Amino acid sequence: MTVALYMDHNVVRAVVEGCRAAGLDVLTAFEDGWHERSDIDILERALELGRIVFTQDTDCIVLATGRQAGGIPFPGVIFGKHGSMPVRKVIDDLALICQSSALEELTNQLIWLPL
């Protein structure tokens, strides 16, 4: 079983569509009606849904790092800086993570792309 992703409003559409074409389970904050919510809300929502967050927003890294340091549960965050690598590489790395990991392994973790 693959790990499901929750993508915030900062993720480019090509990544969303490419991940879906690769067979990944993706829900965007926009589709979920949460695109205008805060990053904290996004983390809480993903945790509630049992999904890992993928973001291209550096603010989310700060929140995840603070939660990790404080021992506050969060869904796990994967970060890939927009424009720092080809979209295909982002998709391939996300597929590798989601298809080779369990949700429990990624919870409370911060992962930087590229791998």
N, C-alpha and C. Protein backbone atom coordinates (compact mmCIF):
# COMPACT_ATOMS: atom_id res chain seq x y z
N MET A 1 0.84 -1.18 0.00
CA MET A 1 0.00 0.00 0.00
C MET A 1 0.89 1.24 0.00
N THR A 2 0.51 2.24 -0.76
CA THR A 2 1.31 3.46 -0.81
C THR A 2 0.80 4.47 0.20
N VAL A 3 1.69 5.33 0.61
CA VAL A 3 1.34 6.42 1.51
C VAL A 3 0.62 7.49 0.70
N ALA A 4 -0.45 8.03 1.26
CA ALA A 4 -1.24 9.07 0.59
C ALA A 4 -0.66 10.45 0.88
N LEU A 5 -0.73 11.33 -0.12
CA LEU A 5 -0.19 12.67 -0.01
C LEU A 5 -1.29 13.72 0.12
N TYR A 6 -0.99 14.76 0.87
CA TYR A 6 -1.84 15.96 0.96
C TYR A 6 -0.96 17.11 0.50
N MET A 7 -1.33 17.76 -0.61
CA MET A 7 -0.52 18.82 -1.17
C MET A 7 -1.16 20.17 -0.91
N ASP A 8 -0.35 21.10 -0.39
CA ASP A 8 -0.89 22.42 -0.11
C ASP A 8 -0.99 23.25 -1.38
N HIS A 9 -1.47 24.48 -1.23
CA HIS A 9 -1.74 25.33 -2.39
C HIS A 9 -0.48 25.84 -3.08
N ASN A 10 0.69 25.60 -2.51
CA ASN A 10 1.94 26.05 -3.11
C ASN A 10 2.54 25.07 -4.11
N VAL A 11 1.98 23.89 -4.20
CA VAL A 11 2.51 22.87 -5.11
C VAL A 11 2.02 23.14 -6.53
N VAL A 12 2.95 23.11 -7.48
CA VAL A 12 2.58 23.38 -8.87
C VAL A 12 1.74 22.24 -9.43
N ARG A 13 0.84 22.58 -10.31
CA ARG A 13 -0.13 21.63 -10.88
C ARG A 13 0.55 20.46 -11.58
N ALA A 14 1.67 20.72 -12.24
CA ALA A 14 2.37 19.64 -12.96
C ALA A 14 2.80 18.52 -12.00
N VAL A 15 3.18 18.87 -10.78
CA VAL A 15 3.56 17.87 -9.79
C VAL A 15 2.34 17.06 -9.37
N VAL A 16 1.24 17.75 -9.12
CA VAL A 16 0.00 17.07 -8.73
C VAL A 16 -0.42 16.07 -9.81
N GLU A 17 -0.48 16.54 -11.03
CA GLU A 17 -0.92 15.68 -12.14
C GLU A 17 0.07 14.55 -12.41
N GLY A 18 1.36 14.84 -12.32
CA GLY A 18 2.37 13.81 -12.54
C GLY A 18 2.33 12.73 -11.48
N CYS A 19 2.10 13.12 -10.23
CA CYS A 19 1.99 12.13 -9.15
C CYS A 19 0.77 11.24 -9.37
N ARG A 20 -0.32 11.83 -9.77
CA ARG A 20 -1.51 11.02 -10.05
C ARG A 20 -1.28 10.08 -11.21
N ALA A 21 -0.60 10.55 -12.25
CA ALA A 21 -0.30 9.70 -13.40
C ALA A 21 0.62 8.54 -12.99
N ALA A 22 1.43 8.76 -11.95
CA ALA A 22 2.33 7.71 -11.44
C ALA A 22 1.60 6.77 -10.48
N GLY A 23 0.31 7.00 -10.28
CA GLY A 23 -0.49 6.10 -9.44
C GLY A 23 -0.53 6.46 -7.97
N LEU A 24 -0.05 7.65 -7.61
CA LEU A 24 -0.06 8.06 -6.21
C LEU A 24 -1.43 8.62 -5.81
N ASP A 25 -1.76 8.43 -4.56
CA ASP A 25 -3.00 8.94 -3.98
C ASP A 25 -2.73 10.37 -3.52
N VAL A 26 -3.29 11.34 -4.23
CA VAL A 26 -3.04 12.75 -3.95
C VAL A 26 -4.37 13.47 -3.70
N LEU A 27 -4.40 14.24 -2.63
CA LEU A 27 -5.50 15.15 -2.33
C LEU A 27 -4.88 16.52 -2.15
N THR A 28 -5.40 17.53 -2.86
CA THR A 28 -4.88 18.88 -2.69
C THR A 28 -5.73 19.64 -1.69
N ALA A 29 -5.11 20.61 -1.06
CA ALA A 29 -5.84 21.46 -0.12
C ALA A 29 -6.99 22.17 -0.84
N PHE A 30 -6.78 22.53 -2.09
CA PHE A 30 -7.84 23.19 -2.86
C PHE A 30 -9.04 22.26 -3.04
N GLU A 31 -8.78 21.03 -3.44
CA GLU A 31 -9.87 20.05 -3.63
C GLU A 31 -10.60 19.78 -2.32
N ASP A 32 -9.88 19.87 -1.22
CA ASP A 32 -10.43 19.60 0.10
C ASP A 32 -11.12 20.83 0.70
N GLY A 33 -11.02 21.98 0.02
CA GLY A 33 -11.62 23.20 0.51
C GLY A 33 -10.80 23.87 1.62
N TRP A 34 -9.54 23.51 1.74
CA TRP A 34 -8.67 24.03 2.81
C TRP A 34 -7.56 24.93 2.27
N HIS A 35 -7.64 25.36 1.03
CA HIS A 35 -6.57 26.14 0.40
C HIS A 35 -6.37 27.53 1.00
N GLU A 36 -7.34 28.04 1.72
CA GLU A 36 -7.19 29.36 2.34
C GLU A 36 -6.89 29.25 3.83
N ARG A 37 -6.65 28.05 4.30
CA ARG A 37 -6.36 27.82 5.71
C ARG A 37 -4.87 28.00 5.99
N SER A 38 -4.52 28.15 7.25
CA SER A 38 -3.12 28.34 7.65
C SER A 38 -2.33 27.04 7.49
N ASP A 39 -1.02 27.18 7.50
CA ASP A 39 -0.15 26.00 7.41
C ASP A 39 -0.37 25.07 8.60
N ILE A 40 -0.61 25.62 9.77
CA ILE A 40 -0.91 24.79 10.95
C ILE A 40 -2.16 23.97 10.69
N ASP A 41 -3.19 24.61 10.14
CA ASP A 41 -4.43 23.90 9.83
C ASP A 41 -4.18 22.80 8.81
N ILE A 42 -3.33 23.07 7.83
CA ILE A 42 -3.01 22.07 6.80
C ILE A 42 -2.34 20.86 7.45
N LEU A 43 -1.39 21.10 8.35
CA LEU A 43 -0.73 19.99 9.03
C LEU A 43 -1.73 19.18 9.85
N GLU A 44 -2.61 19.86 10.56
CA GLU A 44 -3.61 19.17 11.38
C GLU A 44 -4.57 18.37 10.50
N ARG A 45 -4.97 18.96 9.38
CA ARG A 45 -5.90 18.28 8.47
C ARG A 45 -5.26 17.02 7.89
N ALA A 46 -4.03 17.11 7.45
CA ALA A 46 -3.34 15.95 6.88
C ALA A 46 -3.19 14.85 7.94
N LEU A 47 -2.86 15.24 9.16
CA LEU A 47 -2.74 14.26 10.25
C LEU A 47 -4.07 13.56 10.48
N GLU A 48 -5.14 14.34 10.48
CA GLU A 48 -6.50 13.80 10.66
C GLU A 48 -6.86 12.81 9.55
N LEU A 49 -6.43 13.12 8.33
CA LEU A 49 -6.75 12.28 7.17
C LEU A 49 -5.78 11.11 6.97
N GLY A 50 -4.71 11.07 7.75
CA GLY A 50 -3.72 10.00 7.59
C GLY A 50 -2.91 10.15 6.32
N ARG A 51 -2.56 11.40 5.99
CA ARG A 51 -1.78 11.71 4.79
C ARG A 51 -0.51 12.45 5.16
N ILE A 52 0.48 12.35 4.32
CA ILE A 52 1.73 13.07 4.47
C ILE A 52 1.63 14.35 3.63
N VAL A 53 2.17 15.44 4.14
CA VAL A 53 2.12 16.71 3.42
C VAL A 53 3.31 16.83 2.47
N PHE A 54 3.03 17.22 1.23
CA PHE A 54 4.09 17.67 0.33
C PHE A 54 3.86 19.14 0.10
N THR A 55 4.92 19.92 0.28
CA THR A 55 4.83 21.36 0.10
C THR A 55 6.06 21.91 -0.60
N GLN A 56 5.88 23.08 -1.17
CA GLN A 56 6.99 23.83 -1.74
C GLN A 56 7.08 25.18 -1.03
N ASP A 57 6.52 25.24 0.19
CA ASP A 57 6.44 26.44 1.01
C ASP A 57 7.41 26.34 2.18
N THR A 58 8.36 27.25 2.26
CA THR A 58 9.35 27.21 3.33
C THR A 58 8.74 27.47 4.71
N ASP A 59 7.64 28.20 4.78
CA ASP A 59 6.99 28.45 6.08
C ASP A 59 6.56 27.14 6.74
N CYS A 60 6.15 26.20 5.94
CA CYS A 60 5.71 24.90 6.46
C CYS A 60 6.87 24.14 7.11
N ILE A 61 8.07 24.33 6.58
CA ILE A 61 9.25 23.69 7.16
C ILE A 61 9.48 24.20 8.57
N VAL A 62 9.33 25.50 8.75
CA VAL A 62 9.54 26.10 10.07
C VAL A 62 8.55 25.50 11.07
N LEU A 63 7.29 25.37 10.67
CA LEU A 63 6.28 24.79 11.55
C LEU A 63 6.59 23.33 11.88
N ALA A 64 6.94 22.58 10.86
CA ALA A 64 7.24 21.16 11.08
C ALA A 64 8.46 20.98 11.98
N THR A 65 9.48 21.80 11.78
CA THR A 65 10.68 21.73 12.61
C THR A 65 10.35 22.05 14.06
N GLY A 66 9.52 23.07 14.27
CA GLY A 66 9.10 23.43 15.62
C GLY A 66 8.32 22.31 16.29
N ARG A 67 7.44 21.68 15.53
CA ARG A 67 6.67 20.57 16.09
C ARG A 67 7.59 19.39 16.40
N GLN A 68 8.50 19.12 15.52
CA GLN A 68 9.43 18.01 15.74
C GLN A 68 10.26 18.26 17.00
N ALA A 69 10.78 19.46 17.15
CA ALA A 69 11.59 19.81 18.31
C ALA A 69 10.78 19.77 19.61
N GLY A 70 9.49 20.14 19.51
CA GLY A 70 8.64 20.17 20.69
C GLY A 70 7.91 18.88 20.98
N GLY A 71 8.13 17.88 20.15
CA GLY A 71 7.46 16.59 20.35
C GLY A 71 5.97 16.65 20.08
N ILE A 72 5.55 17.60 19.25
CA ILE A 72 4.13 17.75 18.89
C ILE A 72 3.89 16.96 17.61
N PRO A 73 2.95 16.02 17.63
CA PRO A 73 2.71 15.19 16.44
C PRO A 73 2.35 16.02 15.20
N PHE A 74 2.89 15.58 14.08
CA PHE A 74 2.53 16.16 12.78
C PHE A 74 2.61 15.05 11.74
N PRO A 75 1.98 15.25 10.59
CA PRO A 75 1.82 14.15 9.65
C PRO A 75 3.08 13.75 8.89
N GLY A 76 4.14 14.43 9.08
CA GLY A 76 5.30 14.22 8.23
C GLY A 76 5.21 15.19 7.07
N VAL A 77 6.31 15.83 6.74
CA VAL A 77 6.34 16.83 5.69
C VAL A 77 7.48 16.52 4.74
N ILE A 78 7.16 16.52 3.46
CA ILE A 78 8.17 16.40 2.41
C ILE A 78 8.24 17.77 1.75
N PHE A 79 9.46 18.29 1.63
CA PHE A 79 9.65 19.62 1.05
C PHE A 79 10.54 19.53 -0.18
N GLY A 80 10.10 20.19 -1.23
CA GLY A 80 10.91 20.32 -2.43
C GLY A 80 10.81 21.74 -2.93
N LYS A 81 11.91 22.46 -2.91
CA LYS A 81 11.91 23.87 -3.31
C LYS A 81 11.52 24.00 -4.78
N HIS A 82 10.54 24.84 -5.04
CA HIS A 82 10.07 25.06 -6.40
C HIS A 82 11.20 25.57 -7.28
N GLY A 83 11.37 24.92 -8.42
CA GLY A 83 12.37 25.35 -9.39
C GLY A 83 13.78 24.85 -9.12
N SER A 84 13.99 24.14 -8.01
CA SER A 84 15.35 23.69 -7.69
C SER A 84 15.70 22.36 -8.35
N MET A 85 14.69 21.69 -8.91
CA MET A 85 14.93 20.43 -9.59
C MET A 85 13.81 20.21 -10.60
N PRO A 86 14.02 19.38 -11.58
CA PRO A 86 12.99 19.13 -12.59
C PRO A 86 11.73 18.51 -11.95
N VAL A 87 10.59 18.84 -12.51
CA VAL A 87 9.32 18.30 -12.02
C VAL A 87 9.35 16.77 -12.03
N ARG A 88 9.93 16.18 -13.06
CA ARG A 88 10.01 14.72 -13.15
C ARG A 88 10.76 14.13 -11.94
N LYS A 89 11.81 14.79 -11.49
CA LYS A 89 12.59 14.33 -10.33
C LYS A 89 11.74 14.42 -9.06
N VAL A 90 10.97 15.49 -8.92
CA VAL A 90 10.08 15.63 -7.76
C VAL A 90 9.09 14.47 -7.72
N ILE A 91 8.48 14.19 -8.86
CA ILE A 91 7.49 13.11 -8.96
C ILE A 91 8.14 11.76 -8.65
N ASP A 92 9.29 11.51 -9.25
CA ASP A 92 9.98 10.24 -9.01
C ASP A 92 10.35 10.07 -7.54
N ASP A 93 10.85 11.13 -6.90
CA ASP A 93 11.22 11.04 -5.48
C ASP A 93 9.98 10.82 -4.61
N LEU A 94 8.89 11.52 -4.90
CA LEU A 94 7.65 11.32 -4.14
C LEU A 94 7.14 9.89 -4.30
N ALA A 95 7.20 9.37 -5.52
CA ALA A 95 6.76 8.00 -5.77
C ALA A 95 7.62 7.01 -4.98
N LEU A 96 8.92 7.21 -4.97
CA LEU A 96 9.81 6.33 -4.22
C LEU A 96 9.47 6.34 -2.73
N ILE A 97 9.29 7.53 -2.18
CA ILE A 97 8.96 7.65 -0.76
C ILE A 97 7.63 6.98 -0.45
N CYS A 98 6.62 7.30 -1.22
CA CYS A 98 5.27 6.80 -0.95
C CYS A 98 5.13 5.29 -1.16
N GLN A 99 5.87 4.76 -2.11
CA GLN A 99 5.76 3.34 -2.41
C GLN A 99 6.68 2.46 -1.59
N SER A 100 7.64 3.06 -0.89
CA SER A 100 8.58 2.24 -0.13
C SER A 100 8.52 2.48 1.38
N SER A 101 7.60 3.33 1.81
CA SER A 101 7.50 3.67 3.23
C SER A 101 6.11 3.39 3.77
N ALA A 102 6.04 3.25 5.07
CA ALA A 102 4.75 3.15 5.75
C ALA A 102 4.45 4.49 6.39
N LEU A 103 3.18 4.78 6.56
CA LEU A 103 2.76 6.04 7.16
C LEU A 103 3.45 6.27 8.51
N GLU A 104 3.57 5.22 9.30
CA GLU A 104 4.17 5.32 10.62
C GLU A 104 5.65 5.73 10.55
N GLU A 105 6.32 5.35 9.48
CA GLU A 105 7.73 5.70 9.31
C GLU A 105 7.91 7.18 8.97
N LEU A 106 6.92 7.76 8.33
CA LEU A 106 7.02 9.15 7.87
C LEU A 106 6.42 10.15 8.85
N THR A 107 5.53 9.69 9.71
CA THR A 107 4.90 10.57 10.68
C THR A 107 5.97 11.21 11.56
N ASN A 108 5.84 12.51 11.78
CA ASN A 108 6.78 13.30 12.60
C ASN A 108 8.16 13.45 11.97
N GLN A 109 8.26 13.23 10.67
CA GLN A 109 9.54 13.36 9.97
C GLN A 109 9.48 14.53 8.98
N LEU A 110 10.62 15.12 8.73
CA LEU A 110 10.77 16.17 7.72
C LEU A 110 11.76 15.65 6.69
N ILE A 111 11.32 15.57 5.45
CA ILE A 111 12.14 15.02 4.37
C ILE A 111 12.36 16.09 3.31
N TRP A 112 13.59 16.27 2.91
CA TRP A 112 13.95 17.26 1.90
C TRP A 112 14.21 16.57 0.57
N LEU A 113 13.67 17.14 -0.49
CA LEU A 113 13.97 16.68 -1.84
C LEU A 113 15.02 17.61 -2.44
N PRO A 114 15.88 17.11 -3.32
CA PRO A 114 15.90 15.76 -3.86
C PRO A 114 16.49 14.77 -2.86
N LEU A 115 16.12 13.50 -3.09
CA LEU A 115 16.67 12.42 -2.25
C LEU A 115 18.13 12.20 -2.58
